[in-house]
């Protein structure tokens, strides 16, 4: 499975961005779809995930501000990010699990200015 992330950019604090992750095959076959982020010198952290049944999970720092969603027909999932803060600045990676395998997108930079 190949994942293509897009939608990053530069935004002011309080603004919004929507990230997209398009999969090369139907996302019905994926057990989990989600987003992680990483800043230099720190471990990659979970931002949001969605299981195949639709259950969602969010990192504590983004709860109430970020929303993960999916468009099955488009083989795509999204991360709507609202009320962005400078500490949300990171490279965001889309992630998927299918069986015993993990798949990662190439990363998209999100920069939030104060």
N, C-alpha and C. Protein backbone atom coordinates (compact mmCIF):
# COMPACT_ATOMS: atom_id res chain seq x y z
N UNK A 1 0.86 -1.18 0.00
CA UNK A 1 0.00 0.00 0.00
C UNK A 1 0.90 1.24 0.00
N UNK A 2 0.64 2.12 -0.93
CA UNK A 2 1.37 3.40 -0.96
C UNK A 2 0.44 4.50 -0.47
N UNK A 3 1.00 5.38 0.34
CA UNK A 3 0.23 6.47 0.93
C UNK A 3 0.82 7.80 0.48
N UNK A 4 -0.04 8.70 0.08
CA UNK A 4 0.39 10.02 -0.38
C UNK A 4 -0.28 11.08 0.47
N UNK A 5 0.52 11.76 1.30
CA UNK A 5 -0.01 12.80 2.17
C UNK A 5 0.13 14.16 1.49
N UNK A 6 -0.83 15.03 1.77
CA UNK A 6 -0.79 16.38 1.23
C UNK A 6 -1.58 17.31 2.14
N UNK A 7 -1.42 18.61 1.91
CA UNK A 7 -2.22 19.59 2.62
C UNK A 7 -1.50 20.40 3.66
N UNK A 8 -0.23 20.10 3.91
CA UNK A 8 0.51 20.88 4.88
C UNK A 8 0.78 22.28 4.38
N UNK A 9 1.30 23.11 5.28
CA UNK A 9 1.63 24.47 4.90
C UNK A 9 1.89 25.33 6.11
N UNK A 10 1.90 26.62 5.85
CA UNK A 10 2.14 27.62 6.90
C UNK A 10 0.82 28.30 7.24
N UNK A 11 0.52 28.36 8.52
CA UNK A 11 -0.73 28.98 8.96
C UNK A 11 -0.47 29.72 10.26
N UNK A 12 -1.25 30.75 10.51
CA UNK A 12 -1.12 31.49 11.76
C UNK A 12 -1.84 30.74 12.89
N UNK A 13 -1.39 31.00 14.08
CA UNK A 13 -2.03 30.40 15.25
C UNK A 13 -3.52 30.75 15.25
N UNK A 14 -4.33 29.73 15.57
CA UNK A 14 -5.78 29.90 15.53
C UNK A 14 -6.40 29.50 14.22
N UNK A 15 -5.58 29.30 13.22
CA UNK A 15 -6.08 28.94 11.90
C UNK A 15 -6.35 27.45 11.75
N UNK A 16 -6.67 27.06 10.53
CA UNK A 16 -7.04 25.67 10.25
C UNK A 16 -6.31 25.17 9.01
N UNK A 17 -6.11 23.87 8.98
CA UNK A 17 -5.60 23.17 7.81
C UNK A 17 -6.28 21.82 7.73
N UNK A 18 -6.36 21.27 6.53
CA UNK A 18 -6.85 19.92 6.35
C UNK A 18 -5.81 19.10 5.60
N UNK A 19 -5.37 18.04 6.22
CA UNK A 19 -4.44 17.12 5.59
C UNK A 19 -5.22 15.98 4.93
N UNK A 20 -4.67 15.48 3.84
CA UNK A 20 -5.27 14.36 3.14
C UNK A 20 -4.24 13.25 2.98
N UNK A 21 -4.71 12.03 3.03
CA UNK A 21 -3.85 10.88 2.78
C UNK A 21 -4.58 9.96 1.82
N UNK A 22 -4.03 9.84 0.62
CA UNK A 22 -4.65 8.96 -0.37
C UNK A 22 -3.88 7.65 -0.44
N UNK A 23 -4.63 6.56 -0.37
CA UNK A 23 -4.04 5.24 -0.43
C UNK A 23 -4.10 4.70 -1.86
N UNK A 24 -3.16 3.83 -2.16
CA UNK A 24 -3.09 3.28 -3.52
C UNK A 24 -4.08 2.13 -3.74
N UNK A 25 -4.76 1.73 -2.67
CA UNK A 25 -5.75 0.68 -2.80
C UNK A 25 -6.90 0.99 -1.86
N UNK A 26 -7.97 0.24 -1.98
CA UNK A 26 -9.14 0.51 -1.17
C UNK A 26 -8.82 0.48 0.31
N UNK A 27 -9.34 1.49 1.02
CA UNK A 27 -9.05 1.56 2.45
C UNK A 27 -9.92 0.60 3.25
N UNK A 28 -10.82 -0.10 2.56
CA UNK A 28 -11.57 -1.15 3.24
C UNK A 28 -10.63 -2.22 3.77
N UNK A 29 -9.51 -2.41 3.07
CA UNK A 29 -8.59 -3.48 3.45
C UNK A 29 -7.68 -3.09 4.61
N UNK A 30 -7.78 -1.85 5.05
CA UNK A 30 -6.89 -1.37 6.11
C UNK A 30 -7.56 -1.52 7.47
N UNK A 31 -6.82 -2.03 8.43
CA UNK A 31 -7.37 -2.20 9.77
C UNK A 31 -7.41 -0.88 10.54
N UNK A 32 -6.38 -0.07 10.32
CA UNK A 32 -6.28 1.22 11.01
C UNK A 32 -5.72 2.24 10.02
N UNK A 33 -6.25 3.46 10.11
CA UNK A 33 -5.71 4.57 9.33
C UNK A 33 -5.51 5.71 10.31
N UNK A 34 -4.44 6.47 10.09
CA UNK A 34 -4.23 7.54 11.06
C UNK A 34 -3.16 8.51 10.67
N UNK A 35 -2.84 9.33 11.65
CA UNK A 35 -1.85 10.39 11.47
C UNK A 35 -0.92 10.42 12.68
N UNK A 36 0.35 10.59 12.42
CA UNK A 36 1.36 10.82 13.43
C UNK A 36 2.08 12.12 13.08
N UNK A 37 2.81 12.64 14.05
CA UNK A 37 3.64 13.81 13.78
C UNK A 37 4.96 13.69 14.51
N UNK A 38 5.93 14.42 13.99
CA UNK A 38 7.27 14.36 14.57
C UNK A 38 7.96 15.70 14.43
N UNK A 39 8.63 16.10 15.50
CA UNK A 39 9.49 17.27 15.47
C UNK A 39 10.92 16.79 15.69
N UNK A 40 11.88 17.54 15.21
CA UNK A 40 13.28 17.11 15.34
C UNK A 40 13.66 16.84 16.79
N UNK A 41 14.31 15.72 17.02
CA UNK A 41 14.78 15.38 18.35
C UNK A 41 13.76 14.70 19.23
N UNK A 42 12.55 14.51 18.71
CA UNK A 42 11.51 13.87 19.50
C UNK A 42 10.97 12.65 18.76
N UNK A 43 10.35 11.78 19.53
CA UNK A 43 9.75 10.59 18.93
C UNK A 43 8.47 10.96 18.18
N UNK A 44 8.18 10.15 17.19
CA UNK A 44 6.94 10.32 16.45
C UNK A 44 5.78 10.02 17.40
N UNK A 45 4.76 10.87 17.36
CA UNK A 45 3.64 10.69 18.28
C UNK A 45 2.33 10.56 17.52
N UNK A 46 1.41 9.82 18.11
CA UNK A 46 0.10 9.65 17.52
C UNK A 46 -0.68 10.95 17.60
N UNK A 47 -1.28 11.32 16.48
CA UNK A 47 -2.19 12.46 16.46
C UNK A 47 -3.64 11.97 16.49
N UNK A 48 -3.96 11.08 15.56
CA UNK A 48 -5.32 10.56 15.48
C UNK A 48 -5.31 9.26 14.69
N UNK A 49 -6.25 8.40 15.03
CA UNK A 49 -6.38 7.16 14.28
C UNK A 49 -7.84 6.78 14.20
N UNK A 50 -8.14 5.97 13.17
CA UNK A 50 -9.49 5.48 12.98
C UNK A 50 -9.42 4.01 12.61
N UNK A 51 -10.11 3.18 13.37
CA UNK A 51 -10.15 1.76 13.08
C UNK A 51 -11.14 1.48 11.95
N UNK A 52 -11.09 0.27 11.44
CA UNK A 52 -11.94 -0.07 10.30
C UNK A 52 -13.42 0.08 10.62
N UNK A 53 -13.78 -0.09 11.89
CA UNK A 53 -15.18 0.05 12.29
C UNK A 53 -15.61 1.48 12.52
N UNK A 54 -14.65 2.39 12.44
CA UNK A 54 -14.96 3.81 12.61
C UNK A 54 -14.58 4.39 13.96
N UNK A 55 -14.17 3.56 14.89
CA UNK A 55 -13.75 4.09 16.19
C UNK A 55 -12.52 4.97 16.02
N UNK A 56 -12.50 6.09 16.73
CA UNK A 56 -11.40 7.03 16.62
C UNK A 56 -10.64 7.17 17.93
N UNK A 57 -9.40 7.59 17.79
CA UNK A 57 -8.54 7.80 18.95
C UNK A 57 -7.69 9.02 18.67
N UNK A 58 -7.54 9.90 19.68
CA UNK A 58 -6.79 11.13 19.49
C UNK A 58 -5.73 11.29 20.57
N UNK A 59 -4.64 11.92 20.18
CA UNK A 59 -3.65 12.31 21.16
C UNK A 59 -4.22 13.36 22.09
N UNK A 60 -3.79 13.37 23.33
CA UNK A 60 -4.37 14.28 24.32
C UNK A 60 -4.24 15.74 23.91
N UNK A 61 -3.15 16.08 23.26
CA UNK A 61 -2.90 17.48 22.95
C UNK A 61 -3.77 18.01 21.81
N UNK A 62 -4.45 17.14 21.09
CA UNK A 62 -5.25 17.60 19.95
C UNK A 62 -6.74 17.33 20.13
N UNK A 63 -7.12 16.69 21.21
CA UNK A 63 -8.54 16.38 21.43
C UNK A 63 -9.36 17.67 21.44
N UNK A 64 -10.47 17.61 20.72
CA UNK A 64 -11.35 18.76 20.64
C UNK A 64 -10.97 19.76 19.56
N UNK A 65 -9.78 19.60 18.98
CA UNK A 65 -9.34 20.53 17.93
C UNK A 65 -9.18 19.84 16.57
N UNK A 66 -8.76 18.61 16.59
CA UNK A 66 -8.51 17.86 15.35
C UNK A 66 -9.58 16.79 15.16
N UNK A 67 -9.88 16.50 13.91
CA UNK A 67 -10.87 15.47 13.59
C UNK A 67 -10.36 14.62 12.43
N UNK A 68 -10.40 13.33 12.62
CA UNK A 68 -10.04 12.41 11.53
C UNK A 68 -11.32 11.92 10.88
N UNK A 69 -11.27 11.82 9.55
CA UNK A 69 -12.43 11.34 8.82
C UNK A 69 -11.94 10.57 7.59
N UNK A 70 -12.87 9.95 6.89
CA UNK A 70 -12.47 9.15 5.74
C UNK A 70 -13.49 9.30 4.62
N UNK A 71 -13.02 9.09 3.41
CA UNK A 71 -13.87 9.00 2.24
C UNK A 71 -13.50 7.68 1.56
N UNK A 72 -14.30 6.67 1.80
CA UNK A 72 -13.96 5.35 1.32
C UNK A 72 -13.90 5.30 -0.21
N UNK A 73 -14.84 5.99 -0.86
CA UNK A 73 -14.87 5.95 -2.33
C UNK A 73 -13.61 6.56 -2.93
N UNK A 74 -13.02 7.53 -2.22
CA UNK A 74 -11.81 8.20 -2.71
C UNK A 74 -10.54 7.55 -2.18
N UNK A 75 -10.67 6.47 -1.40
CA UNK A 75 -9.50 5.82 -0.78
C UNK A 75 -8.65 6.83 -0.01
N UNK A 76 -9.32 7.73 0.68
CA UNK A 76 -8.62 8.84 1.31
C UNK A 76 -9.12 9.04 2.73
N UNK A 77 -8.23 9.42 3.62
CA UNK A 77 -8.65 9.92 4.93
C UNK A 77 -8.03 11.27 5.17
N UNK A 78 -8.64 11.98 6.11
CA UNK A 78 -8.32 13.38 6.31
C UNK A 78 -8.03 13.66 7.79
N UNK A 79 -7.34 14.76 8.00
CA UNK A 79 -7.16 15.29 9.34
C UNK A 79 -7.51 16.76 9.29
N UNK A 80 -8.66 17.10 9.84
CA UNK A 80 -9.06 18.50 9.94
C UNK A 80 -8.46 19.06 11.22
N UNK A 81 -7.65 20.09 11.08
CA UNK A 81 -6.96 20.68 12.22
C UNK A 81 -7.45 22.10 12.42
N UNK A 82 -8.10 22.35 13.52
CA UNK A 82 -8.62 23.67 13.86
C UNK A 82 -7.91 24.22 15.08
N UNK A 83 -8.04 25.50 15.28
CA UNK A 83 -7.43 26.17 16.44
C UNK A 83 -5.96 25.78 16.59
N UNK A 84 -5.25 25.86 15.50
CA UNK A 84 -3.85 25.42 15.51
C UNK A 84 -3.00 26.29 16.42
N UNK A 85 -2.02 25.64 17.03
CA UNK A 85 -1.10 26.30 17.96
C UNK A 85 0.33 26.14 17.44
N UNK A 86 1.23 27.02 17.83
CA UNK A 86 2.62 26.86 17.40
C UNK A 86 3.20 25.49 17.75
N UNK A 87 2.77 24.91 18.85
CA UNK A 87 3.28 23.60 19.24
C UNK A 87 2.77 22.47 18.37
N UNK A 88 1.85 22.76 17.46
CA UNK A 88 1.41 21.76 16.48
C UNK A 88 2.38 21.67 15.30
N UNK A 89 3.34 22.58 15.25
CA UNK A 89 4.32 22.55 14.17
C UNK A 89 5.09 21.24 14.18
N UNK A 90 5.08 20.56 13.05
CA UNK A 90 5.72 19.25 12.95
C UNK A 90 5.60 18.76 11.51
N UNK A 91 6.28 17.66 11.23
CA UNK A 91 6.01 16.91 10.01
C UNK A 91 4.94 15.88 10.34
N UNK A 92 3.89 15.88 9.57
CA UNK A 92 2.77 14.98 9.79
C UNK A 92 2.85 13.82 8.79
N UNK A 93 2.70 12.62 9.32
CA UNK A 93 2.78 11.41 8.51
C UNK A 93 1.46 10.66 8.58
N UNK A 94 0.98 10.24 7.42
CA UNK A 94 -0.16 9.35 7.48
C UNK A 94 0.34 7.92 7.63
N UNK A 95 -0.48 7.12 8.23
CA UNK A 95 -0.09 5.77 8.65
C UNK A 95 -1.26 4.84 8.46
N UNK A 96 -0.95 3.61 8.11
CA UNK A 96 -1.99 2.59 7.97
C UNK A 96 -1.46 1.24 8.42
N UNK A 97 -2.38 0.43 8.87
CA UNK A 97 -2.05 -0.94 9.27
C UNK A 97 -2.94 -1.88 8.48
N UNK A 98 -2.31 -2.89 7.92
CA UNK A 98 -3.06 -3.94 7.24
C UNK A 98 -2.45 -5.27 7.67
N UNK A 99 -3.18 -6.00 8.47
CA UNK A 99 -2.65 -7.24 9.01
C UNK A 99 -1.45 -6.96 9.89
N UNK A 100 -0.32 -7.56 9.55
CA UNK A 100 0.90 -7.41 10.34
C UNK A 100 1.80 -6.29 9.82
N UNK A 101 1.33 -5.56 8.83
CA UNK A 101 2.19 -4.59 8.17
C UNK A 101 1.76 -3.15 8.46
N UNK A 102 2.78 -2.30 8.62
CA UNK A 102 2.59 -0.86 8.78
C UNK A 102 3.00 -0.17 7.49
N UNK A 103 2.28 0.87 7.16
CA UNK A 103 2.60 1.66 5.98
C UNK A 103 2.64 3.14 6.37
N UNK A 104 3.59 3.85 5.77
CA UNK A 104 3.76 5.27 6.09
C UNK A 104 3.78 6.10 4.82
N UNK A 105 3.16 7.28 4.91
CA UNK A 105 3.28 8.25 3.84
C UNK A 105 4.58 9.01 3.98
N UNK A 106 4.82 9.92 3.07
CA UNK A 106 6.11 10.60 3.00
C UNK A 106 6.22 11.78 3.95
N UNK A 107 5.16 12.21 4.57
CA UNK A 107 5.23 13.34 5.49
C UNK A 107 4.91 14.65 4.81
N UNK A 108 4.21 15.50 5.54
CA UNK A 108 3.91 16.84 5.05
C UNK A 108 4.12 17.82 6.20
N UNK A 109 4.80 18.91 5.90
CA UNK A 109 5.19 19.88 6.94
C UNK A 109 4.02 20.80 7.28
N UNK A 110 3.77 20.93 8.55
CA UNK A 110 2.80 21.91 9.06
C UNK A 110 3.55 22.87 9.96
N UNK A 111 3.45 24.14 9.65
CA UNK A 111 4.12 25.17 10.45
C UNK A 111 3.08 26.17 10.91
N UNK A 112 3.01 26.37 12.21
CA UNK A 112 2.05 27.31 12.79
C UNK A 112 2.83 28.47 13.40
N UNK A 113 2.59 29.65 12.89
CA UNK A 113 3.30 30.83 13.38
C UNK A 113 2.50 31.50 14.49
N UNK A 114 3.23 32.10 15.41
CA UNK A 114 2.56 32.75 16.55
C UNK A 114 2.25 34.20 16.25
